[in-house]
């Protein structure tokens, strides 16, 4: 996990892994991590996730290439209330892509609850989709730690993509399928 939403990444990770929200989240120095297990649909087993949260300060960015080795997927966050933070992700994308082998990278727009009207996302969706296409990312979801909107679904989506990419490494996914859709037809994990 990386990106430009400050302590929100750590809150998102904590909410997903423990079900708790902690508004007094500490500032991470370089990197933090958590572990979580997701049950796969259709009795396909489970997936154990190691989730690494990288600090956004540039002085810690040099750590990222080492942690990319062995990564199966990435989620990058930007702030929907501050659209310029989307373009701050270009360095993150470059670092991840140059230090991994074709892993899925999901884009998440945080602070969905701050949009005045849920329809506001549709106005900005076009330029977000352009960004996803230009950088060949694996999908986009808007999320909110305050309302718990799309947090679990985002991690489930990334897990589905990671399982798919592990099974079919040269098969890009052209849309954001559900975990069940990606696992359909995979006989064993």
N, C-alpha and C. Protein backbone atom coordinates (compact mmCIF):
# COMPACT_ATOMS: atom_id res chain seq x y z
N UNK A 1 0.85 -1.17 0.00
CA UNK A 1 0.00 0.00 0.00
C UNK A 1 0.90 1.23 0.00
N UNK A 2 0.52 2.15 -0.81
CA UNK A 2 1.26 3.41 -0.83
C UNK A 2 0.35 4.49 -1.37
N UNK A 3 0.87 5.69 -1.45
CA UNK A 3 0.10 6.76 -2.02
C UNK A 3 0.11 8.01 -1.20
N UNK A 4 -0.87 8.86 -1.51
CA UNK A 4 -0.85 10.23 -1.04
C UNK A 4 -2.09 10.60 -0.22
N UNK A 5 -2.35 9.88 0.85
CA UNK A 5 -3.49 10.23 1.70
C UNK A 5 -3.10 10.24 3.18
N UNK A 6 -1.83 10.41 3.45
CA UNK A 6 -1.36 10.51 4.83
C UNK A 6 -1.70 9.29 5.66
N UNK A 7 -2.13 9.52 6.88
CA UNK A 7 -2.41 8.42 7.81
C UNK A 7 -3.62 7.58 7.42
N UNK A 8 -4.39 8.00 6.43
CA UNK A 8 -5.59 7.25 6.02
C UNK A 8 -5.24 5.84 5.57
N UNK A 9 -4.07 5.64 4.93
CA UNK A 9 -3.68 4.30 4.50
C UNK A 9 -3.62 3.36 5.70
N UNK A 10 -2.98 3.81 6.77
CA UNK A 10 -2.85 2.98 7.96
C UNK A 10 -4.22 2.71 8.57
N UNK A 11 -5.09 3.70 8.59
CA UNK A 11 -6.44 3.49 9.10
C UNK A 11 -7.19 2.47 8.24
N UNK A 12 -7.01 2.54 6.93
CA UNK A 12 -7.66 1.60 6.02
C UNK A 12 -7.15 0.19 6.29
N UNK A 13 -5.83 0.04 6.44
CA UNK A 13 -5.25 -1.27 6.72
C UNK A 13 -5.76 -1.81 8.05
N UNK A 14 -5.81 -0.97 9.07
CA UNK A 14 -6.29 -1.39 10.38
C UNK A 14 -7.76 -1.79 10.33
N UNK A 15 -8.57 -1.02 9.64
CA UNK A 15 -10.00 -1.34 9.50
C UNK A 15 -10.18 -2.68 8.80
N UNK A 16 -9.43 -2.91 7.74
CA UNK A 16 -9.56 -4.16 6.99
C UNK A 16 -9.07 -5.36 7.79
N UNK A 17 -7.93 -5.24 8.46
CA UNK A 17 -7.34 -6.39 9.12
C UNK A 17 -7.92 -6.68 10.50
N UNK A 18 -8.39 -5.66 11.21
CA UNK A 18 -8.89 -5.89 12.57
C UNK A 18 -10.35 -5.50 12.75
N UNK A 19 -10.91 -4.81 11.76
CA UNK A 19 -12.30 -4.37 11.88
C UNK A 19 -12.45 -3.12 12.74
N UNK A 20 -11.34 -2.58 13.21
CA UNK A 20 -11.38 -1.41 14.09
C UNK A 20 -10.92 -0.18 13.33
N UNK A 21 -11.39 0.96 13.78
CA UNK A 21 -10.92 2.22 13.24
C UNK A 21 -10.21 2.95 14.36
N UNK A 22 -9.06 3.50 14.04
CA UNK A 22 -8.28 4.22 15.04
C UNK A 22 -7.93 5.59 14.48
N UNK A 23 -8.63 6.61 14.94
CA UNK A 23 -8.37 7.95 14.43
C UNK A 23 -7.08 8.53 14.99
N UNK A 24 -6.50 7.87 16.02
CA UNK A 24 -5.23 8.32 16.59
C UNK A 24 -4.06 7.56 15.99
N UNK A 25 -4.20 7.17 14.73
CA UNK A 25 -3.17 6.39 14.07
C UNK A 25 -1.85 7.13 14.10
N UNK A 26 -0.81 6.39 14.46
CA UNK A 26 0.51 6.99 14.52
C UNK A 26 1.07 7.17 13.11
N UNK A 27 1.98 8.08 12.97
CA UNK A 27 2.66 8.29 11.70
C UNK A 27 3.69 7.17 11.58
N UNK A 28 3.70 6.49 10.44
CA UNK A 28 4.66 5.41 10.28
C UNK A 28 6.01 5.97 9.83
N UNK A 29 7.05 5.32 10.29
CA UNK A 29 8.40 5.70 9.90
C UNK A 29 8.86 4.69 8.86
N UNK A 30 8.69 5.03 7.61
CA UNK A 30 9.15 4.16 6.53
C UNK A 30 8.13 3.13 6.11
N UNK A 31 7.86 2.14 6.98
CA UNK A 31 6.99 1.04 6.59
C UNK A 31 6.32 0.41 7.82
N UNK A 32 5.11 -0.09 7.62
CA UNK A 32 4.37 -0.82 8.65
C UNK A 32 3.74 -2.00 7.93
N UNK A 33 3.31 -3.03 8.68
CA UNK A 33 2.66 -4.15 8.01
C UNK A 33 1.63 -4.81 8.91
N UNK A 34 0.77 -5.59 8.26
CA UNK A 34 -0.25 -6.38 8.96
C UNK A 34 -0.47 -7.65 8.15
N UNK A 35 -1.10 -8.62 8.78
CA UNK A 35 -1.44 -9.87 8.10
C UNK A 35 -2.94 -10.08 8.21
N UNK A 36 -3.51 -10.67 7.16
CA UNK A 36 -4.95 -10.92 7.15
C UNK A 36 -5.23 -12.10 6.21
N UNK A 37 -6.25 -12.86 6.54
CA UNK A 37 -6.63 -14.01 5.72
C UNK A 37 -8.01 -13.75 5.12
N UNK A 38 -8.14 -14.01 3.82
CA UNK A 38 -9.42 -13.85 3.11
C UNK A 38 -9.89 -15.22 2.66
N UNK A 39 -11.15 -15.54 2.96
CA UNK A 39 -11.74 -16.76 2.43
C UNK A 39 -12.13 -16.53 0.98
N UNK A 40 -11.70 -17.44 0.12
CA UNK A 40 -12.03 -17.35 -1.29
C UNK A 40 -13.42 -17.95 -1.51
N UNK A 41 -14.18 -17.41 -2.46
CA UNK A 41 -15.53 -17.92 -2.70
C UNK A 41 -15.50 -19.33 -3.29
N UNK A 42 -16.65 -19.95 -3.28
CA UNK A 42 -16.85 -21.27 -3.88
C UNK A 42 -15.93 -22.31 -3.27
N UNK A 43 -15.64 -22.18 -1.96
CA UNK A 43 -14.80 -23.14 -1.24
C UNK A 43 -13.45 -23.37 -1.92
N UNK A 44 -12.88 -22.33 -2.48
CA UNK A 44 -11.58 -22.44 -3.16
C UNK A 44 -10.43 -22.29 -2.17
N UNK A 45 -10.70 -22.21 -0.89
CA UNK A 45 -9.65 -22.08 0.11
C UNK A 45 -9.59 -20.67 0.65
N UNK A 46 -8.39 -20.29 1.04
CA UNK A 46 -8.19 -18.95 1.58
C UNK A 46 -6.87 -18.40 1.07
N UNK A 47 -6.73 -17.10 1.20
CA UNK A 47 -5.50 -16.42 0.79
C UNK A 47 -4.97 -15.64 1.99
N UNK A 48 -3.73 -15.89 2.33
CA UNK A 48 -3.08 -15.14 3.40
C UNK A 48 -2.39 -13.92 2.81
N UNK A 49 -2.71 -12.75 3.34
CA UNK A 49 -2.14 -11.51 2.82
C UNK A 49 -1.16 -10.92 3.83
N UNK A 50 -0.02 -10.49 3.34
CA UNK A 50 0.89 -9.65 4.10
C UNK A 50 0.72 -8.26 3.49
N UNK A 51 0.25 -7.32 4.27
CA UNK A 51 -0.04 -5.99 3.76
C UNK A 51 1.01 -5.03 4.31
N UNK A 52 1.74 -4.41 3.40
CA UNK A 52 2.80 -3.48 3.76
C UNK A 52 2.33 -2.07 3.46
N UNK A 53 2.46 -1.20 4.43
CA UNK A 53 2.05 0.20 4.30
C UNK A 53 3.31 1.06 4.29
N UNK A 54 3.56 1.71 3.16
CA UNK A 54 4.77 2.51 2.99
C UNK A 54 4.49 3.97 3.27
N UNK A 55 5.35 4.60 4.04
CA UNK A 55 5.23 6.02 4.31
C UNK A 55 5.38 6.82 3.03
N UNK A 56 4.67 7.93 2.96
CA UNK A 56 4.72 8.69 1.72
C UNK A 56 5.83 9.71 1.66
N UNK A 57 6.57 9.89 2.76
CA UNK A 57 7.67 10.85 2.74
C UNK A 57 8.74 10.38 1.76
N UNK A 58 9.26 11.29 0.97
CA UNK A 58 10.24 10.94 -0.06
C UNK A 58 11.50 10.31 0.51
N UNK A 59 11.88 10.67 1.73
CA UNK A 59 13.11 10.11 2.29
C UNK A 59 13.01 8.61 2.54
N UNK A 60 11.78 8.06 2.62
CA UNK A 60 11.60 6.63 2.80
C UNK A 60 11.34 5.90 1.48
N UNK A 61 11.18 6.63 0.41
CA UNK A 61 10.85 6.03 -0.89
C UNK A 61 11.94 5.08 -1.36
N UNK A 62 13.17 5.30 -0.92
CA UNK A 62 14.26 4.41 -1.34
C UNK A 62 14.10 2.99 -0.80
N UNK A 63 13.27 2.80 0.22
CA UNK A 63 13.01 1.46 0.76
C UNK A 63 12.10 0.64 -0.14
N UNK A 64 11.28 1.31 -0.93
CA UNK A 64 10.23 0.63 -1.71
C UNK A 64 10.77 -0.45 -2.64
N UNK A 65 11.83 -0.23 -3.42
CA UNK A 65 12.29 -1.29 -4.32
C UNK A 65 12.60 -2.61 -3.61
N UNK A 66 13.20 -2.56 -2.43
CA UNK A 66 13.50 -3.79 -1.68
C UNK A 66 12.23 -4.53 -1.29
N UNK A 67 11.22 -3.80 -0.87
CA UNK A 67 9.98 -4.43 -0.44
C UNK A 67 9.12 -4.90 -1.61
N UNK A 68 9.39 -4.39 -2.80
CA UNK A 68 8.64 -4.82 -3.99
C UNK A 68 8.98 -6.24 -4.39
N UNK A 69 10.19 -6.67 -4.10
CA UNK A 69 10.61 -8.01 -4.48
C UNK A 69 9.72 -9.04 -3.79
N UNK A 70 9.08 -9.86 -4.57
CA UNK A 70 8.18 -10.87 -4.03
C UNK A 70 6.75 -10.40 -3.86
N UNK A 71 6.47 -9.14 -4.14
CA UNK A 71 5.10 -8.64 -4.01
C UNK A 71 4.21 -9.26 -5.08
N UNK A 72 2.96 -9.54 -4.71
CA UNK A 72 2.00 -10.12 -5.65
C UNK A 72 0.97 -9.10 -6.11
N UNK A 73 0.91 -7.94 -5.47
CA UNK A 73 -0.04 -6.91 -5.85
C UNK A 73 0.20 -5.64 -5.06
N UNK A 74 -0.43 -4.55 -5.51
CA UNK A 74 -0.27 -3.26 -4.84
C UNK A 74 -1.57 -2.47 -4.92
N UNK A 75 -1.83 -1.70 -3.87
CA UNK A 75 -2.93 -0.73 -3.87
C UNK A 75 -2.29 0.64 -3.65
N UNK A 76 -2.63 1.56 -4.53
CA UNK A 76 -2.15 2.94 -4.39
C UNK A 76 -3.35 3.85 -4.14
N UNK A 77 -3.19 4.75 -3.18
CA UNK A 77 -4.27 5.64 -2.77
C UNK A 77 -3.99 7.08 -3.16
N UNK A 78 -5.06 7.78 -3.54
CA UNK A 78 -5.00 9.23 -3.69
C UNK A 78 -6.24 9.77 -3.02
N UNK A 79 -6.28 11.07 -2.83
CA UNK A 79 -7.37 11.73 -2.10
C UNK A 79 -8.37 12.30 -3.10
N UNK A 80 -9.59 11.77 -3.10
CA UNK A 80 -10.63 12.27 -4.01
C UNK A 80 -10.94 13.74 -3.77
N UNK A 81 -10.73 14.20 -2.53
CA UNK A 81 -10.99 15.61 -2.21
C UNK A 81 -9.85 16.52 -2.69
N UNK A 82 -8.71 15.92 -3.04
CA UNK A 82 -7.56 16.67 -3.56
C UNK A 82 -7.08 15.96 -4.82
N UNK A 83 -7.78 16.15 -5.94
CA UNK A 83 -7.48 15.40 -7.17
C UNK A 83 -6.03 15.47 -7.63
N UNK A 84 -5.31 16.53 -7.28
CA UNK A 84 -3.91 16.64 -7.71
C UNK A 84 -3.05 15.52 -7.13
N UNK A 85 -3.49 14.89 -6.03
CA UNK A 85 -2.73 13.80 -5.44
C UNK A 85 -2.68 12.58 -6.35
N UNK A 86 -3.60 12.48 -7.30
CA UNK A 86 -3.57 11.36 -8.25
C UNK A 86 -2.25 11.35 -9.01
N UNK A 87 -1.81 12.53 -9.44
CA UNK A 87 -0.60 12.61 -10.25
C UNK A 87 0.68 12.42 -9.44
N UNK A 88 0.56 12.51 -8.11
CA UNK A 88 1.70 12.22 -7.25
C UNK A 88 2.01 10.72 -7.23
N UNK A 89 1.10 9.91 -7.75
CA UNK A 89 1.29 8.46 -7.75
C UNK A 89 2.19 7.97 -8.88
N UNK A 90 2.50 8.83 -9.82
CA UNK A 90 3.31 8.39 -10.96
C UNK A 90 4.66 7.84 -10.53
N UNK A 91 5.30 8.44 -9.53
CA UNK A 91 6.57 7.91 -9.04
C UNK A 91 6.39 6.55 -8.39
N UNK A 92 5.31 6.40 -7.61
CA UNK A 92 5.00 5.11 -6.98
C UNK A 92 4.85 4.03 -8.05
N UNK A 93 4.08 4.34 -9.09
CA UNK A 93 3.83 3.37 -10.16
C UNK A 93 5.13 2.98 -10.84
N UNK A 94 5.95 3.97 -11.14
CA UNK A 94 7.24 3.70 -11.78
C UNK A 94 8.11 2.79 -10.91
N UNK A 95 8.19 3.09 -9.61
CA UNK A 95 9.00 2.27 -8.70
C UNK A 95 8.47 0.84 -8.60
N UNK A 96 7.17 0.69 -8.50
CA UNK A 96 6.58 -0.65 -8.39
C UNK A 96 6.80 -1.44 -9.67
N UNK A 97 6.49 -0.83 -10.81
CA UNK A 97 6.63 -1.55 -12.08
C UNK A 97 8.07 -1.90 -12.41
N UNK A 98 9.01 -1.06 -12.02
CA UNK A 98 10.41 -1.37 -12.35
C UNK A 98 11.03 -2.36 -11.38
N UNK A 99 10.34 -2.70 -10.29
CA UNK A 99 10.89 -3.62 -9.29
C UNK A 99 10.03 -4.87 -9.07
N UNK A 100 9.06 -5.11 -9.95
CA UNK A 100 8.21 -6.29 -9.84
C UNK A 100 8.00 -6.89 -11.23
N UNK A 101 7.41 -8.07 -11.24
CA UNK A 101 7.09 -8.74 -12.51
C UNK A 101 5.59 -8.71 -12.74
N UNK A 102 5.10 -7.72 -13.46
CA UNK A 102 3.72 -7.66 -13.91
C UNK A 102 2.70 -8.00 -12.82
N UNK A 103 2.73 -7.27 -11.72
CA UNK A 103 1.75 -7.50 -10.66
C UNK A 103 0.56 -6.56 -10.85
N UNK A 104 -0.62 -6.95 -10.36
CA UNK A 104 -1.75 -6.04 -10.44
C UNK A 104 -1.57 -4.85 -9.50
N UNK A 105 -1.91 -3.68 -10.00
CA UNK A 105 -1.87 -2.46 -9.18
C UNK A 105 -3.26 -1.85 -9.23
N UNK A 106 -3.90 -1.80 -8.06
CA UNK A 106 -5.23 -1.19 -7.95
C UNK A 106 -5.08 0.26 -7.51
N UNK A 107 -5.96 1.10 -8.01
CA UNK A 107 -6.01 2.51 -7.63
C UNK A 107 -7.24 2.72 -6.76
N UNK A 108 -7.05 3.36 -5.61
CA UNK A 108 -8.18 3.66 -4.73
C UNK A 108 -8.22 5.15 -4.43
N UNK A 109 -9.38 5.75 -4.65
CA UNK A 109 -9.61 7.14 -4.32
C UNK A 109 -10.21 7.21 -2.93
N UNK A 110 -9.44 7.68 -1.96
CA UNK A 110 -9.89 7.74 -0.58
C UNK A 110 -10.75 8.98 -0.33
N UNK A 111 -11.44 8.97 0.79
CA UNK A 111 -12.28 10.08 1.24
C UNK A 111 -13.54 10.24 0.39
N UNK A 112 -14.09 9.13 -0.06
CA UNK A 112 -15.33 9.15 -0.84
C UNK A 112 -16.43 9.92 -0.10
N UNK A 113 -16.43 9.83 1.22
CA UNK A 113 -17.47 10.49 2.02
C UNK A 113 -17.40 12.02 1.92
N UNK A 114 -16.28 12.57 1.49
CA UNK A 114 -16.14 14.02 1.38
C UNK A 114 -16.74 14.60 0.09
N UNK A 115 -17.09 13.73 -0.84
CA UNK A 115 -17.72 14.21 -2.06
C UNK A 115 -19.12 14.71 -1.69
N UNK A 116 -19.44 15.91 -2.08
CA UNK A 116 -20.72 16.50 -1.73
C UNK A 116 -21.90 15.68 -2.20
N UNK A 117 -21.78 15.08 -3.34
CA UNK A 117 -22.83 14.29 -3.94
C UNK A 117 -22.17 13.03 -4.48
N UNK A 118 -22.66 11.85 -4.14
CA UNK A 118 -22.04 10.64 -4.67
C UNK A 118 -21.89 10.66 -6.18
N UNK A 119 -22.71 11.43 -6.87
CA UNK A 119 -22.58 11.56 -8.31
C UNK A 119 -21.35 12.34 -8.73
N UNK A 120 -20.72 13.06 -7.75
CA UNK A 120 -19.50 13.81 -8.07
C UNK A 120 -18.42 12.91 -8.62
N UNK A 121 -18.38 11.67 -8.17
CA UNK A 121 -17.35 10.76 -8.65
C UNK A 121 -17.50 10.50 -10.15
N UNK A 122 -18.74 10.53 -10.65
CA UNK A 122 -18.93 10.29 -12.08
C UNK A 122 -18.32 11.40 -12.93
N UNK A 123 -18.29 12.63 -12.38
CA UNK A 123 -17.68 13.73 -13.11
C UNK A 123 -16.17 13.60 -13.21
N UNK A 124 -15.57 13.03 -12.20
CA UNK A 124 -14.11 12.87 -12.22
C UNK A 124 -13.70 11.48 -12.70
N UNK A 125 -14.66 10.60 -12.86
CA UNK A 125 -14.34 9.22 -13.23
C UNK A 125 -13.61 9.13 -14.57
N UNK A 126 -13.94 9.99 -15.49
CA UNK A 126 -13.31 9.92 -16.82
C UNK A 126 -11.80 10.15 -16.72
N UNK A 127 -11.35 11.17 -16.00
CA UNK A 127 -9.91 11.40 -15.91
C UNK A 127 -9.23 10.35 -15.05
N UNK A 128 -9.95 9.77 -14.09
CA UNK A 128 -9.38 8.66 -13.31
C UNK A 128 -9.20 7.45 -14.23
N UNK A 129 -10.21 7.15 -15.04
CA UNK A 129 -10.11 6.03 -15.97
C UNK A 129 -8.97 6.25 -16.98
N UNK A 130 -8.80 7.48 -17.44
CA UNK A 130 -7.68 7.79 -18.33
C UNK A 130 -6.35 7.49 -17.64
N UNK A 131 -6.23 7.88 -16.37
CA UNK A 131 -5.01 7.62 -15.60
C UNK A 131 -4.78 6.12 -15.48
N UNK A 132 -5.83 5.36 -15.18
CA UNK A 132 -5.75 3.90 -15.06
C UNK A 132 -5.26 3.29 -16.37
N UNK A 133 -5.82 3.75 -17.50
CA UNK A 133 -5.43 3.21 -18.80
C UNK A 133 -4.00 3.59 -19.18
N UNK A 134 -3.64 4.85 -19.01
CA UNK A 134 -2.31 5.31 -19.38
C UNK A 134 -1.24 4.54 -18.60
N UNK A 135 -1.49 4.30 -17.33
CA UNK A 135 -0.50 3.63 -16.47
C UNK A 135 -0.71 2.12 -16.38
N UNK A 136 -1.68 1.61 -17.15
CA UNK A 136 -1.98 0.18 -17.21
C UNK A 136 -2.19 -0.41 -15.82
N UNK A 137 -3.07 0.25 -15.05
CA UNK A 137 -3.42 -0.23 -13.72
C UNK A 137 -4.56 -1.25 -13.84
N UNK A 138 -4.81 -1.97 -12.77
CA UNK A 138 -5.76 -3.09 -12.81
C UNK A 138 -7.18 -2.72 -12.40
N UNK A 139 -7.43 -1.48 -12.07
CA UNK A 139 -8.78 -1.09 -11.70
C UNK A 139 -8.79 0.08 -10.74
N UNK A 140 -10.00 0.55 -10.45
CA UNK A 140 -10.20 1.70 -9.56
C UNK A 140 -11.41 1.46 -8.67
N UNK A 141 -11.31 1.90 -7.43
CA UNK A 141 -12.44 1.93 -6.50
C UNK A 141 -12.33 3.19 -5.66
N UNK A 142 -13.46 3.79 -5.37
CA UNK A 142 -13.47 4.89 -4.40
C UNK A 142 -13.78 4.26 -3.05
N UNK A 143 -13.15 4.78 -1.99
CA UNK A 143 -13.31 4.19 -0.67
C UNK A 143 -13.41 5.30 0.38
N UNK A 144 -13.85 4.89 1.58
CA UNK A 144 -13.88 5.80 2.72
C UNK A 144 -13.68 5.00 3.99
N UNK A 145 -12.68 5.36 4.77
CA UNK A 145 -12.47 4.70 6.06
C UNK A 145 -13.55 5.14 7.05
N UNK A 146 -14.03 6.37 6.94
CA UNK A 146 -15.03 6.88 7.87
C UNK A 146 -16.37 6.14 7.74
N UNK A 147 -16.76 5.82 6.52
CA UNK A 147 -18.04 5.12 6.31
C UNK A 147 -17.84 3.64 6.00
N UNK A 148 -16.58 3.21 5.94
CA UNK A 148 -16.20 1.83 5.61
C UNK A 148 -16.59 1.44 4.19
N UNK A 149 -16.82 2.42 3.34
CA UNK A 149 -17.25 2.20 1.97
C UNK A 149 -16.12 1.58 1.14
N UNK A 150 -16.35 0.39 0.60
CA UNK A 150 -15.48 -0.30 -0.35
C UNK A 150 -14.11 -0.72 0.19
N UNK A 151 -13.89 -0.70 1.49
CA UNK A 151 -12.58 -1.11 2.00
C UNK A 151 -12.36 -2.60 1.78
N UNK A 152 -13.25 -3.42 2.31
CA UNK A 152 -13.12 -4.87 2.14
C UNK A 152 -13.16 -5.26 0.68
N UNK A 153 -14.07 -4.65 -0.07
CA UNK A 153 -14.20 -4.97 -1.49
C UNK A 153 -12.92 -4.66 -2.27
N UNK A 154 -12.22 -3.60 -1.89
CA UNK A 154 -10.97 -3.25 -2.57
C UNK A 154 -9.90 -4.31 -2.35
N UNK A 155 -9.77 -4.77 -1.11
CA UNK A 155 -8.79 -5.81 -0.82
C UNK A 155 -9.20 -7.15 -1.44
N UNK A 156 -10.50 -7.44 -1.45
CA UNK A 156 -10.97 -8.66 -2.11
C UNK A 156 -10.68 -8.60 -3.61
N UNK A 157 -10.89 -7.44 -4.21
CA UNK A 157 -10.63 -7.27 -5.63
C UNK A 157 -9.14 -7.48 -5.93
N UNK A 158 -8.28 -6.87 -5.13
CA UNK A 158 -6.85 -7.04 -5.34
C UNK A 158 -6.46 -8.50 -5.15
N UNK A 159 -7.02 -9.16 -4.15
CA UNK A 159 -6.73 -10.58 -3.93
C UNK A 159 -7.14 -11.40 -5.14
N UNK A 160 -8.31 -11.12 -5.69
CA UNK A 160 -8.77 -11.82 -6.89
C UNK A 160 -7.79 -11.62 -8.04
N UNK A 161 -7.34 -10.40 -8.21
CA UNK A 161 -6.39 -10.11 -9.28
C UNK A 161 -5.05 -10.81 -9.03
N UNK A 162 -4.60 -10.84 -7.79
CA UNK A 162 -3.34 -11.51 -7.49
C UNK A 162 -3.45 -13.01 -7.78
N UNK A 163 -4.55 -13.63 -7.38
CA UNK A 163 -4.76 -15.06 -7.65
C UNK A 163 -4.77 -15.29 -9.16
N UNK A 164 -5.48 -14.45 -9.88
CA UNK A 164 -5.56 -14.58 -11.33
C UNK A 164 -4.18 -14.42 -11.97
N UNK A 165 -3.43 -13.39 -11.57
CA UNK A 165 -2.11 -13.15 -12.15
C UNK A 165 -1.13 -14.27 -11.80
N UNK A 166 -1.27 -14.86 -10.61
CA UNK A 166 -0.40 -15.97 -10.23
C UNK A 166 -0.67 -17.19 -11.10
N UNK A 167 -1.94 -17.42 -11.39
CA UNK A 167 -2.34 -18.58 -12.19
C UNK A 167 -2.09 -18.34 -13.68
N UNK A 168 -2.35 -17.11 -14.15
CA UNK A 168 -2.21 -16.75 -15.56
C UNK A 168 -1.38 -15.48 -15.69
N UNK A 169 -0.05 -15.56 -15.52
CA UNK A 169 0.78 -14.35 -15.44
C UNK A 169 0.78 -13.46 -16.68
N UNK A 170 0.50 -13.99 -17.84
CA UNK A 170 0.53 -13.18 -19.06
C UNK A 170 -0.86 -12.86 -19.58
N UNK A 171 -1.85 -12.94 -18.71
CA UNK A 171 -3.23 -12.72 -19.12
C UNK A 171 -3.78 -11.47 -18.45
N UNK A 172 -3.64 -10.30 -19.10
CA UNK A 172 -4.15 -9.08 -18.48
C UNK A 172 -5.68 -9.13 -18.36
N UNK A 173 -6.18 -8.50 -17.33
CA UNK A 173 -7.62 -8.44 -17.08
C UNK A 173 -8.11 -7.10 -17.61
N UNK A 174 -9.11 -7.14 -18.49
CA UNK A 174 -9.54 -5.91 -19.16
C UNK A 174 -10.60 -5.14 -18.37
N UNK A 175 -11.18 -5.75 -17.35
CA UNK A 175 -12.14 -5.05 -16.50
C UNK A 175 -11.88 -5.48 -15.06
N UNK A 176 -12.62 -4.95 -14.13
CA UNK A 176 -12.42 -5.30 -12.73
C UNK A 176 -13.43 -6.35 -12.31
N UNK A 177 -13.13 -7.63 -12.56
CA UNK A 177 -14.06 -8.69 -12.20
C UNK A 177 -14.10 -8.91 -10.70
N UNK A 178 -15.11 -9.62 -10.25
CA UNK A 178 -15.21 -9.97 -8.84
C UNK A 178 -14.29 -11.14 -8.57
N UNK A 179 -14.07 -11.41 -7.29
CA UNK A 179 -13.24 -12.54 -6.90
C UNK A 179 -13.82 -13.84 -7.45
N UNK A 180 -15.13 -14.00 -7.35
CA UNK A 180 -15.78 -15.23 -7.85
C UNK A 180 -15.58 -15.36 -9.36
N UNK A 181 -15.70 -14.27 -10.11
CA UNK A 181 -15.50 -14.32 -11.57
C UNK A 181 -14.09 -14.73 -11.93
N UNK A 182 -13.10 -14.20 -11.21
CA UNK A 182 -11.72 -14.54 -11.51
C UNK A 182 -11.39 -15.98 -11.15
N UNK A 183 -12.03 -16.48 -10.10
CA UNK A 183 -11.72 -17.84 -9.69
C UNK A 183 -12.51 -18.89 -10.46
N UNK A 184 -13.53 -18.45 -11.19
CA UNK A 184 -14.31 -19.36 -11.99
C UNK A 184 -13.39 -20.01 -13.02
N UNK A 185 -13.44 -21.29 -13.11
CA UNK A 185 -12.62 -21.98 -14.10
C UNK A 185 -11.22 -22.32 -13.63
N UNK A 186 -10.80 -21.80 -12.48
CA UNK A 186 -9.51 -22.18 -11.94
C UNK A 186 -9.75 -23.43 -11.09
N UNK A 187 -9.22 -24.56 -11.52
CA UNK A 187 -9.53 -25.82 -10.83
C UNK A 187 -8.86 -25.96 -9.48
N UNK A 188 -7.63 -25.48 -9.34
CA UNK A 188 -6.96 -25.59 -8.04
C UNK A 188 -6.07 -24.38 -7.82
N UNK A 189 -5.89 -24.05 -6.57
CA UNK A 189 -5.04 -22.90 -6.24
C UNK A 189 -3.71 -23.38 -5.71
